[in-house]
Amino acid sequence: MKACHFCGREQPAGERVYRSSTCAGCGKDLKICRNCRFYSAGAHWECLETIHDPVADKERANFCEFFQFRDSQPGEKGQGQGGQLKPAKARDDFRKLFGGD
């Protein structure tokens, strides 16, 4: 399932995403780094592809030729407001990963 990073709205299957594409739910850009399967906060310039120049704003449309819409996990909602997770969810995810009470 392809879903908007901001609001979590599912995007039509098989529909191409262009630089001008926007989400029908929230009106935000869809061709952004945070919607891309190659986006990785820990990678060089936050991208798993070998890009020549960094993308300054990861939440605005860009001209990247490597863009591929990422698949959302079941039950995953839009992260909105800069992709910040709520502290409780982050703590629960940490405990699931490393074990704990």
PDB file of N, CA and C in Angstrom:
ATOM      1  N   MET A   1       0.838  -1.171   0.000  1.00  0.00           N
ATOM      2  CA  MET A   1       0.000   0.000   0.000  1.00  0.00           C
ATOM      3  C   MET A   1       0.891   1.246   0.000  1.00  0.00           C
ATOM      4  N   LYS A   2       0.584   2.182  -0.833  1.00  0.00           N
ATOM      5  CA  LYS A   2       1.288   3.462  -0.890  1.00  0.00           C
ATOM      6  C   LYS A   2       0.438   4.485  -0.139  1.00  0.00           C
ATOM      7  N   ALA A   3       1.048   5.172   0.826  1.00  0.00           N
ATOM      8  CA  ALA A   3       0.290   6.135   1.624  1.00  0.00           C
ATOM      9  C   ALA A   3       1.070   7.426   1.795  1.00  0.00           C
ATOM     10  N   CYS A   4       0.341   8.522   1.912  1.00  0.00           N
ATOM     11  CA  CYS A   4       0.927   9.845   2.117  1.00  0.00           C
ATOM     12  C   CYS A   4       1.674   9.897   3.448  1.00  0.00           C
ATOM     13  N   HIS A   5       2.871  10.432   3.430  1.00  0.00           N
ATOM     14  CA  HIS A   5       3.677  10.583   4.647  1.00  0.00           C
ATOM     15  C   HIS A   5       2.976  11.476   5.667  1.00  0.00           C
ATOM     16  N   PHE A   6       2.264  12.481   5.211  1.00  0.00           N
ATOM     17  CA  PHE A   6       1.675  13.463   6.112  1.00  0.00           C
ATOM     18  C   PHE A   6       0.371  13.005   6.757  1.00  0.00           C
ATOM     19  N   CYS A   7      -0.565  12.488   5.953  1.00  0.00           N
ATOM     20  CA  CYS A   7      -1.886  12.162   6.506  1.00  0.00           C
ATOM     21  C   CYS A   7      -2.194  10.671   6.523  1.00  0.00           C
ATOM     22  N   GLY A   8      -1.388   9.861   5.838  1.00  0.00           N
ATOM     23  CA  GLY A   8      -1.603   8.422   5.834  1.00  0.00           C
ATOM     24  C   GLY A   8      -2.632   7.945   4.826  1.00  0.00           C
ATOM     25  N   ARG A   9      -3.181   8.852   4.025  1.00  0.00           N
ATOM     26  CA  ARG A   9      -4.197   8.458   3.050  1.00  0.00           C
ATOM     27  C   ARG A   9      -3.582   7.559   1.980  1.00  0.00           C
ATOM     28  N   GLU A  10      -4.263   6.457   1.706  1.00  0.00           N
ATOM     29  CA  GLU A  10      -3.792   5.520   0.691  1.00  0.00           C
ATOM     30  C   GLU A  10      -3.884   6.165  -0.685  1.00  0.00           C
ATOM     31  N   GLN A  11      -2.859   5.949  -1.489  1.00  0.00           N
ATOM     32  CA  GLN A  11      -2.810   6.512  -2.836  1.00  0.00           C
ATOM     33  C   GLN A  11      -3.229   5.444  -3.841  1.00  0.00           C
ATOM     34  N   PRO A  12      -3.856   5.844  -4.949  1.00  0.00           N
ATOM     35  CA  PRO A  12      -4.322   4.874  -5.943  1.00  0.00           C
ATOM     36  C   PRO A  12      -3.180   3.985  -6.445  1.00  0.00           C
ATOM     37  N   ALA A  13      -3.434   2.694  -6.487  1.00  0.00           N
ATOM     38  CA  ALA A  13      -2.423   1.732  -6.933  1.00  0.00           C
ATOM     39  C   ALA A  13      -2.110   1.944  -8.411  1.00  0.00           C
ATOM     40  N   GLY A  14      -0.844   1.855  -8.747  1.00  0.00           N
ATOM     41  CA  GLY A  14      -0.414   1.944 -10.131  1.00  0.00           C
ATOM     42  C   GLY A  14      -0.377   3.351 -10.706  1.00  0.00           C
ATOM     43  N   GLU A  15      -0.795   4.342  -9.948  1.00  0.00           N
ATOM     44  CA  GLU A  15      -0.787   5.716 -10.449  1.00  0.00           C
ATOM     45  C   GLU A  15       0.613   6.305 -10.333  1.00  0.00           C
ATOM     46  N   ARG A  16       1.105   6.902 -11.405  1.00  0.00           N
ATOM     47  CA  ARG A  16       2.447   7.500 -11.390  1.00  0.00           C
ATOM     48  C   ARG A  16       2.449   8.759 -10.542  1.00  0.00           C
ATOM     49  N   VAL A  17       3.578   8.997  -9.903  1.00  0.00           N
ATOM     50  CA  VAL A  17       3.731  10.189  -9.072  1.00  0.00           C
ATOM     51  C   VAL A  17       4.689  11.140  -9.778  1.00  0.00           C
ATOM     52  N   TYR A  18       4.208  12.343 -10.038  1.00  0.00           N
ATOM     53  CA  TYR A  18       5.006  13.373 -10.694  1.00  0.00           C
ATOM     54  C   TYR A  18       5.378  14.451  -9.682  1.00  0.00           C
ATOM     55  N   ARG A  19       6.265  15.349 -10.065  1.00  0.00           N
ATOM     56  CA  ARG A  19       6.679  16.420  -9.162  1.00  0.00           C
ATOM     57  C   ARG A  19       5.482  17.255  -8.721  1.00  0.00           C
ATOM     58  N   SER A  20       4.484  17.389  -9.568  1.00  0.00           N
ATOM     59  CA  SER A  20       3.311  18.205  -9.248  1.00  0.00           C
ATOM     60  C   SER A  20       2.191  17.417  -8.567  1.00  0.00           C
ATOM     61  N   SER A  21       2.383  16.118  -8.347  1.00  0.00           N
ATOM     62  CA  SER A  21       1.339  15.294  -7.725  1.00  0.00           C
ATOM     63  C   SER A  21       1.138  15.676  -6.264  1.00  0.00           C
ATOM     64  N   THR A  22      -0.131  15.759  -5.867  1.00  0.00           N
ATOM     65  CA  THR A  22      -0.451  16.079  -4.476  1.00  0.00           C
ATOM     66  C   THR A  22      -1.431  15.053  -3.921  1.00  0.00           C
ATOM     67  N   CYS A  23      -1.478  14.951  -2.612  1.00  0.00           N
ATOM     68  CA  CYS A  23      -2.380  14.032  -1.930  1.00  0.00           C
ATOM     69  C   CYS A  23      -3.797  14.604  -1.950  1.00  0.00           C
ATOM     70  N   ALA A  24      -4.764  13.768  -2.289  1.00  0.00           N
ATOM     71  CA  ALA A  24      -6.160  14.209  -2.299  1.00  0.00           C
ATOM     72  C   ALA A  24      -6.676  14.447  -0.884  1.00  0.00           C
ATOM     73  N   GLY A  25      -6.005  13.871   0.104  1.00  0.00           N
ATOM     74  CA  GLY A  25      -6.452  14.021   1.483  1.00  0.00           C
ATOM     75  C   GLY A  25      -5.994  15.303   2.147  1.00  0.00           C
ATOM     76  N   CYS A  26      -4.722  15.654   1.966  1.00  0.00           N
ATOM     77  CA  CYS A  26      -4.181  16.818   2.683  1.00  0.00           C
ATOM     78  C   CYS A  26      -3.621  17.896   1.757  1.00  0.00           C
ATOM     79  N   GLY A  27      -3.496  17.588   0.462  1.00  0.00           N
ATOM     80  CA  GLY A  27      -3.006  18.575  -0.487  1.00  0.00           C
ATOM     81  C   GLY A  27      -1.496  18.749  -0.509  1.00  0.00           C
ATOM     82  N   LYS A  28      -0.771  17.950   0.261  1.00  0.00           N
ATOM     83  CA  LYS A  28       0.695  18.066   0.316  1.00  0.00           C
ATOM     84  C   LYS A  28       1.325  17.346  -0.878  1.00  0.00           C
ATOM     85  N   ASP A  29       2.571  17.727  -1.184  1.00  0.00           N
ATOM     86  CA  ASP A  29       3.319  17.092  -2.271  1.00  0.00           C
ATOM     87  C   ASP A  29       3.510  15.605  -1.989  1.00  0.00           C
ATOM     88  N   LEU A  30       3.469  14.788  -3.056  1.00  0.00           N
ATOM     89  CA  LEU A  30       3.705  13.352  -2.907  1.00  0.00           C
ATOM     90  C   LEU A  30       5.121  12.941  -3.301  1.00  0.00           C
ATOM     91  N   LYS A  31       5.703  13.633  -4.285  1.00  0.00           N
ATOM     92  CA  LYS A  31       7.060  13.260  -4.719  1.00  0.00           C
ATOM     93  C   LYS A  31       8.077  13.952  -3.813  1.00  0.00           C
ATOM     94  N   ILE A  32       8.183  13.423  -2.599  1.00  0.00           N
ATOM     95  CA  ILE A  32       9.092  13.965  -1.589  1.00  0.00           C
ATOM     96  C   ILE A  32       9.975  12.836  -1.075  1.00  0.00           C
ATOM     97  N   CYS A  33      11.097  13.200  -0.514  1.00  0.00           N
ATOM     98  CA  CYS A  33      12.026  12.186   0.001  1.00  0.00           C
ATOM     99  C   CYS A  33      11.357  11.266   1.016  1.00  0.00           C
ATOM    100  N   ARG A  34      10.547  11.819   1.889  1.00  0.00           N
ATOM    101  CA  ARG A  34       9.950  11.014   2.955  1.00  0.00           C
ATOM    102  C   ARG A  34       8.915  10.014   2.449  1.00  0.00           C
ATOM    103  N   ASN A  35       8.474  10.138   1.208  1.00  0.00           N
ATOM    104  CA  ASN A  35       7.585   9.148   0.606  1.00  0.00           C
ATOM    105  C   ASN A  35       8.363   8.138  -0.235  1.00  0.00           C
ATOM    106  N   CYS A  36       9.668   8.289  -0.326  1.00  0.00           N
ATOM    107  CA  CYS A  36      10.489   7.459  -1.209  1.00  0.00           C
ATOM    108  C   CYS A  36      11.041   6.233  -0.483  1.00  0.00           C
ATOM    109  N   ARG A  37      11.087   5.127  -1.186  1.00  0.00           N
ATOM    110  CA  ARG A  37      11.617   3.898  -0.591  1.00  0.00           C
ATOM    111  C   ARG A  37      13.107   3.995  -0.299  1.00  0.00           C
ATOM    112  N   PHE A  38      13.815   4.928  -0.902  1.00  0.00           N
ATOM    113  CA  PHE A  38      15.251   5.077  -0.678  1.00  0.00           C
ATOM    114  C   PHE A  38      15.585   6.048   0.451  1.00  0.00           C
ATOM    115  N   TYR A  39      14.578   6.693   1.020  1.00  0.00           N
ATOM    116  CA  TYR A  39      14.833   7.627   2.123  1.00  0.00           C
ATOM    117  C   TYR A  39      15.284   6.847   3.359  1.00  0.00           C
ATOM    118  N   SER A  40      16.368   7.298   3.961  1.00  0.00           N
ATOM    119  CA  SER A  40      16.877   6.682   5.183  1.00  0.00           C
ATOM    120  C   SER A  40      17.585   7.762   5.993  1.00  0.00           C
ATOM    121  N   ALA A  41      17.069   8.045   7.173  1.00  0.00           N
ATOM    122  CA  ALA A  41      17.602   9.129   8.001  1.00  0.00           C
ATOM    123  C   ALA A  41      19.080   8.933   8.335  1.00  0.00           C
ATOM    124  N   GLY A  42      19.560   7.709   8.393  1.00  0.00           N
ATOM    125  CA  GLY A  42      20.946   7.459   8.765  1.00  0.00           C
ATOM    126  C   GLY A  42      21.923   7.395   7.602  1.00  0.00           C
ATOM    127  N   ALA A  43      21.415   7.456   6.385  1.00  0.00           N
ATOM    128  CA  ALA A  43      22.271   7.341   5.203  1.00  0.00           C
ATOM    129  C   ALA A  43      22.885   8.692   4.824  1.00  0.00           C
ATOM    130  N   HIS A  44      23.920   8.618   3.986  1.00  0.00           N
ATOM    131  CA  HIS A  44      24.549   9.837   3.475  1.00  0.00           C
ATOM    132  C   HIS A  44      23.505  10.655   2.732  1.00  0.00           C
ATOM    133  N   TRP A  45      23.343  11.895   3.102  1.00  0.00           N
ATOM    134  CA  TRP A  45      22.325  12.794   2.565  1.00  0.00           C
ATOM    135  C   TRP A  45      20.923  12.203   2.692  1.00  0.00           C
ATOM    136  N   GLU A  46      20.751  11.290   3.621  1.00  0.00           N
ATOM    137  CA  GLU A  46      19.470  10.653   3.937  1.00  0.00           C
ATOM    138  C   GLU A  46      18.860   9.924   2.739  1.00  0.00           C
ATOM    139  N   CYS A  47      19.731   9.336   1.914  1.00  0.00           N
ATOM    140  CA  CYS A  47      19.265   8.606   0.740  1.00  0.00           C
ATOM    141  C   CYS A  47      20.123   7.364   0.532  1.00  0.00           C
ATOM    142  N   LEU A  48      19.479   6.238   0.224  1.00  0.00           N
ATOM    143  CA  LEU A  48      20.199   4.994  -0.015  1.00  0.00           C
ATOM    144  C   LEU A  48      20.757   4.918  -1.434  1.00  0.00           C
ATOM    145  N   GLU A  49      20.290   5.796  -2.316  1.00  0.00           N
ATOM    146  CA  GLU A  49      20.825   5.870  -3.674  1.00  0.00           C
ATOM    147  C   GLU A  49      22.054   6.773  -3.673  1.00  0.00           C
ATOM    148  N   THR A  50      22.858   6.649  -4.706  1.00  0.00           N
ATOM    149  CA  THR A  50      24.026   7.512  -4.845  1.00  0.00           C
ATOM    150  C   THR A  50      23.581   8.777  -5.576  1.00  0.00           C
ATOM    151  N   ILE A  51      23.307   9.814  -4.808  1.00  0.00           N
ATOM    152  CA  ILE A  51      22.879  11.076  -5.402  1.00  0.00           C
ATOM    153  C   ILE A  51      24.050  12.054  -5.383  1.00  0.00           C
ATOM    154  N   HIS A  52      24.074  12.952  -6.349  1.00  0.00           N
ATOM    155  CA  HIS A  52      25.199  13.881  -6.487  1.00  0.00           C
ATOM    156  C   HIS A  52      25.047  15.133  -5.640  1.00  0.00           C
ATOM    157  N   ASP A  53      23.816  15.517  -5.350  1.00  0.00           N
ATOM    158  CA  ASP A  53      23.557  16.708  -4.549  1.00  0.00           C
ATOM    159  C   ASP A  53      22.483  16.387  -3.517  1.00  0.00           C
ATOM    160  N   PRO A  54      22.597  16.944  -2.326  1.00  0.00           N
ATOM    161  CA  PRO A  54      21.570  16.693  -1.313  1.00  0.00           C
ATOM    162  C   PRO A  54      20.273  17.426  -1.649  1.00  0.00           C
ATOM    163  N   VAL A  55      19.158  16.854  -1.219  1.00  0.00           N
ATOM    164  CA  VAL A  55      17.868  17.520  -1.340  1.00  0.00           C
ATOM    165  C   VAL A  55      17.678  18.292  -0.041  1.00  0.00           C
ATOM    166  N   ALA A  56      17.542  19.592  -0.145  1.00  0.00           N
ATOM    167  CA  ALA A  56      17.501  20.446   1.047  1.00  0.00           C
ATOM    168  C   ALA A  56      16.266  20.199   1.911  1.00  0.00           C
ATOM    169  N   ASP A  57      15.101  20.135   1.305  1.00  0.00           N
ATOM    170  CA  ASP A  57      13.860  19.970   2.067  1.00  0.00           C
ATOM    171  C   ASP A  57      13.250  18.619   1.720  1.00  0.00           C
ATOM    172  N   LYS A  58      13.297  17.701   2.644  1.00  0.00           N
ATOM    173  CA  LYS A  58      12.831  16.326   2.421  1.00  0.00           C
ATOM    174  C   LYS A  58      11.311  16.215   2.364  1.00  0.00           C
ATOM    175  N   GLU A  59      10.601  17.305   2.652  1.00  0.00           N
ATOM    176  CA  GLU A  59       9.140  17.279   2.677  1.00  0.00           C
ATOM    177  C   GLU A  59       8.520  18.159   1.598  1.00  0.00           C
ATOM    178  N   ARG A  60       9.310  18.521   0.579  1.00  0.00           N
ATOM    179  CA  ARG A  60       8.811  19.302  -0.550  1.00  0.00           C
ATOM    180  C   ARG A  60       9.138  18.550  -1.832  1.00  0.00           C
ATOM    181  N   ALA A  61       8.328  18.764  -2.858  1.00  0.00           N
ATOM    182  CA  ALA A  61       8.523  18.094  -4.144  1.00  0.00           C
ATOM    183  C   ALA A  61       9.911  18.397  -4.703  1.00  0.00           C
ATOM    184  N   ASN A  62      10.476  17.399  -5.394  1.00  0.00           N
ATOM    185  CA  ASN A  62      11.803  17.570  -5.978  1.00  0.00           C
ATOM    186  C   ASN A  62      11.872  16.858  -7.328  1.00  0.00           C
ATOM    187  N   PHE A  63      13.007  16.969  -7.982  1.00  0.00           N
ATOM    188  CA  PHE A  63      13.188  16.397  -9.318  1.00  0.00           C
ATOM    189  C   PHE A  63      13.980  15.092  -9.306  1.00  0.00           C
ATOM    190  N   CYS A  64      14.096  14.429  -8.188  1.00  0.00           N
ATOM    191  CA  CYS A  64      14.918  13.226  -8.086  1.00  0.00           C
ATOM    192  C   CYS A  64      14.447  12.144  -9.063  1.00  0.00           C
ATOM    193  N   GLU A  65      15.387  11.623  -9.827  1.00  0.00           N
ATOM    194  CA  GLU A  65      15.051  10.592 -10.809  1.00  0.00           C
ATOM    195  C   GLU A  65      15.003   9.190 -10.200  1.00  0.00           C
ATOM    196  N   PHE A  66      15.450   9.035  -8.952  1.00  0.00           N
ATOM    197  CA  PHE A  66      15.441   7.731  -8.294  1.00  0.00           C
ATOM    198  C   PHE A  66      14.142   7.460  -7.538  1.00  0.00           C
ATOM    199  N   PHE A  67      13.257   8.453  -7.431  1.00  0.00           N
ATOM    200  CA  PHE A  67      12.062   8.330  -6.596  1.00  0.00           C
ATOM    201  C   PHE A  67      11.234   7.096  -6.935  1.00  0.00           C
ATOM    202  N   GLN A  68      10.923   6.326  -5.892  1.00  0.00           N
ATOM    203  CA  GLN A  68       9.975   5.217  -5.973  1.00  0.00           C
ATOM    204  C   GLN A  68       9.136   5.287  -4.709  1.00  0.00           C
ATOM    205  N   PHE A  69       7.820   5.335  -4.868  1.00  0.00           N
ATOM    206  CA  PHE A  69       6.937   5.464  -3.712  1.00  0.00           C
ATOM    207  C   PHE A  69       7.137   4.270  -2.788  1.00  0.00           C
ATOM    208  N   ARG A  70       7.363   4.545  -1.524  1.00  0.00           N
ATOM    209  CA  ARG A  70       7.607   3.474  -0.557  1.00  0.00           C
ATOM    210  C   ARG A  70       6.297   2.786  -0.187  1.00  0.00           C
ATOM    211  N   ASP A  71       6.405   1.533   0.218  1.00  0.00           N
ATOM    212  CA  ASP A  71       5.255   0.786   0.714  1.00  0.00           C
ATOM    213  C   ASP A  71       5.103   1.058   2.195  1.00  0.00           C
ATOM    214  N   SER A  72       3.897   1.378   2.613  1.00  0.00           N
ATOM    215  CA  SER A  72       3.621   1.608   4.030  1.00  0.00           C
ATOM    216  C   SER A  72       3.360   0.278   4.706  1.00  0.00           C
ATOM    217  N   GLN A  73       3.647   0.228   5.981  1.00  0.00           N
ATOM    218  CA  GLN A  73       3.378  -0.968   6.769  1.00  0.00           C
ATOM    219  C   GLN A  73       1.900  -0.994   7.150  1.00  0.00           C
ATOM    220  N   PRO A  74       1.292  -2.184   7.306  1.00  0.00           N
ATOM    221  CA  PRO A  74      -0.106  -2.255   7.715  1.00  0.00           C
ATOM    222  C   PRO A  74      -0.328  -1.496   9.020  1.00  0.00           C
ATOM    223  N   GLY A  75      -1.360  -0.677   9.042  1.00  0.00           N
ATOM    224  CA  GLY A  75      -1.691   0.074  10.249  1.00  0.00           C
ATOM    225  C   GLY A  75      -0.884   1.348  10.425  1.00  0.00           C
ATOM    226  N   GLU A  76       0.095   1.588   9.555  1.00  0.00           N
ATOM    227  CA  GLU A  76       0.918   2.790   9.676  1.00  0.00           C
ATOM    228  C   GLU A  76       0.104   3.998   9.246  1.00  0.00           C
ATOM    229  N   LYS A  77       0.172   5.033  10.018  1.00  0.00           N
ATOM    230  CA  LYS A  77      -0.546   6.267   9.713  1.00  0.00           C
ATOM    231  C   LYS A  77       0.453   7.322   9.294  1.00  0.00           C
ATOM    232  N   GLY A  78      -0.045   8.408   8.756  1.00  0.00           N
ATOM    233  CA  GLY A  78       0.826   9.518   8.394  1.00  0.00           C
ATOM    234  C   GLY A  78       1.513  10.056   9.630  1.00  0.00           C
ATOM    235  N   GLN A  79       2.742  10.481   9.472  1.00  0.00           N
ATOM    236  CA  GLN A  79       3.497  10.971  10.614  1.00  0.00           C
ATOM    237  C   GLN A  79       3.326  12.464  10.776  1.00  0.00           C
ATOM    238  N   GLY A  80       3.027  13.170   9.687  1.00  0.00           N
ATOM    239  CA  GLY A  80       2.774  14.602   9.746  1.00  0.00           C
ATOM    240  C   GLY A  80       3.831  15.394  10.479  1.00  0.00           C
ATOM    241  N   GLN A  81       3.680  16.673  10.521  1.00  0.00           N
ATOM    242  CA  GLN A  81       4.538  17.598  11.249  1.00  0.00           C
ATOM    243  C   GLN A  81       5.990  17.158  11.315  1.00  0.00           C
ATOM    244  N   GLY A  82       6.589  16.971  10.189  1.00  0.00           N
ATOM    245  CA  GLY A  82       8.018  16.660  10.152  1.00  0.00           C
ATOM    246  C   GLY A  82       8.343  15.214  10.437  1.00  0.00           C
ATOM    247  N   GLY A  83       7.342  14.337  10.429  1.00  0.00           N
ATOM    248  CA  GLY A  83       7.607  12.927  10.635  1.00  0.00           C
ATOM    249  C   GLY A  83       7.935  12.561  12.070  1.00  0.00           C
ATOM    250  N   GLN A  84       7.529  13.371  13.017  1.00  0.00           N
ATOM    251  CA  GLN A  84       7.831  13.084  14.415  1.00  0.00           C
ATOM    252  C   GLN A  84       6.902  11.997  14.945  1.00  0.00           C
ATOM    253  N   LEU A  85       7.468  10.963  15.525  1.00  0.00           N
ATOM    254  CA  LEU A  85       6.682   9.930  16.174  1.00  0.00           C
ATOM    255  C   LEU A  85       6.291  10.408  17.562  1.00  0.00           C
ATOM    256  N   LYS A  86       5.151   9.955  18.020  1.00  0.00           N
ATOM    257  CA  LYS A  86       4.769  10.283  19.387  1.00  0.00           C
ATOM    258  C   LYS A  86       5.688   9.520  20.328  1.00  0.00           C
ATOM    259  N   PRO A  87       6.054  10.113  21.459  1.00  0.00           N
ATOM    260  CA  PRO A  87       6.990   9.462  22.384  1.00  0.00           C
ATOM    261  C   PRO A  87       6.558   8.064  22.812  1.00  0.00           C
ATOM    262  N   ALA A  88       5.273   7.856  23.066  1.00  0.00           N
ATOM    263  CA  ALA A  88       4.807   6.539  23.505  1.00  0.00           C
ATOM    264  C   ALA A  88       5.034   5.494  22.416  1.00  0.00           C
ATOM    265  N   LYS A  89       4.757   5.847  21.163  1.00  0.00           N
ATOM    266  CA  LYS A  89       4.961   4.897  20.067  1.00  0.00           C
ATOM    267  C   LYS A  89       6.445   4.597  19.901  1.00  0.00           C
ATOM    268  N   ALA A  90       7.273   5.617  19.983  1.00  0.00           N
ATOM    269  CA  ALA A  90       8.716   5.412  19.864  1.00  0.00           C
ATOM    270  C   ALA A  90       9.218   4.498  20.979  1.00  0.00           C
ATOM    271  N   ARG A  91       8.743   4.708  22.183  1.00  0.00           N
ATOM    272  CA  ARG A  91       9.149   3.879  23.325  1.00  0.00           C
ATOM    273  C   ARG A  91       8.690   2.435  23.124  1.00  0.00           C
ATOM    274  N   ASP A  92       7.443   2.239  22.670  1.00  0.00           N
ATOM    275  CA  ASP A  92       6.929   0.890  22.433  1.00  0.00           C
ATOM    276  C   ASP A  92       7.724   0.182  21.337  1.00  0.00           C
ATOM    277  N   ASP A  93       8.029   0.908  20.268  1.00  0.00           N
ATOM    278  CA  ASP A  93       8.821   0.320  19.185  1.00  0.00           C
ATOM    279  C   ASP A  93      10.208  -0.079  19.675  1.00  0.00           C
ATOM    280  N   PHE A  94      10.811   0.751  20.517  1.00  0.00           N
ATOM    281  CA  PHE A  94      12.123   0.452  21.085  1.00  0.00           C
ATOM    282  C   PHE A  94      12.056  -0.814  21.929  1.00  0.00           C
ATOM    283  N   ARG A  95      11.037  -0.925  22.754  1.00  0.00           N
ATOM    284  CA  ARG A  95      10.890  -2.102  23.624  1.00  0.00           C
ATOM    285  C   ARG A  95      10.646  -3.370  22.818  1.00  0.00           C
ATOM    286  N   LYS A  96       9.880  -3.263  21.739  1.00  0.00           N
ATOM    287  CA  LYS A  96       9.647  -4.427  20.884  1.00  0.00           C
ATOM    288  C   LYS A  96      10.953  -4.892  20.246  1.00  0.00           C
ATOM    289  N   LEU A  97      11.764  -3.935  19.855  1.00  0.00           N
ATOM    290  CA  LEU A  97      13.018  -4.250  19.183  1.00  0.00           C
ATOM    291  C   LEU A  97      14.049  -4.845  20.126  1.00  0.00           C
ATOM    292  N   PHE A  98      14.199  -4.255  21.307  1.00  0.00           N
ATOM    293  CA  PHE A  98      15.247  -4.670  22.231  1.00  0.00           C
ATOM    294  C   PHE A  98      14.747  -5.432  23.448  1.00  0.00           C
ATOM    295  N   GLY A  99      13.454  -5.647  23.538  1.00  0.00           N
ATOM    296  CA  GLY A  99      12.897  -6.332  24.701  1.00  0.00           C
ATOM    297  C   GLY A  99      12.828  -5.403  25.888  1.00  0.00           C
ATOM    298  N   GLY A 100      12.020  -5.733  26.801  1.00  0.00           N
ATOM    299  CA  GLY A 100      11.887  -4.885  27.984  1.00  0.00           C
ATOM    300  C   GLY A 100      10.490  -4.990  28.542  1.00  0.00           C
ATOM    301  N   ASP A 101      10.331  -4.372  29.666  1.00  0.00           N
ATOM    302  CA  ASP A 101       9.036  -4.458  30.352  1.00  0.00           C
ATOM    303  C   ASP A 101       8.013  -3.552  29.753  1.00  0.00           C
TER     304      ASP A 101
END
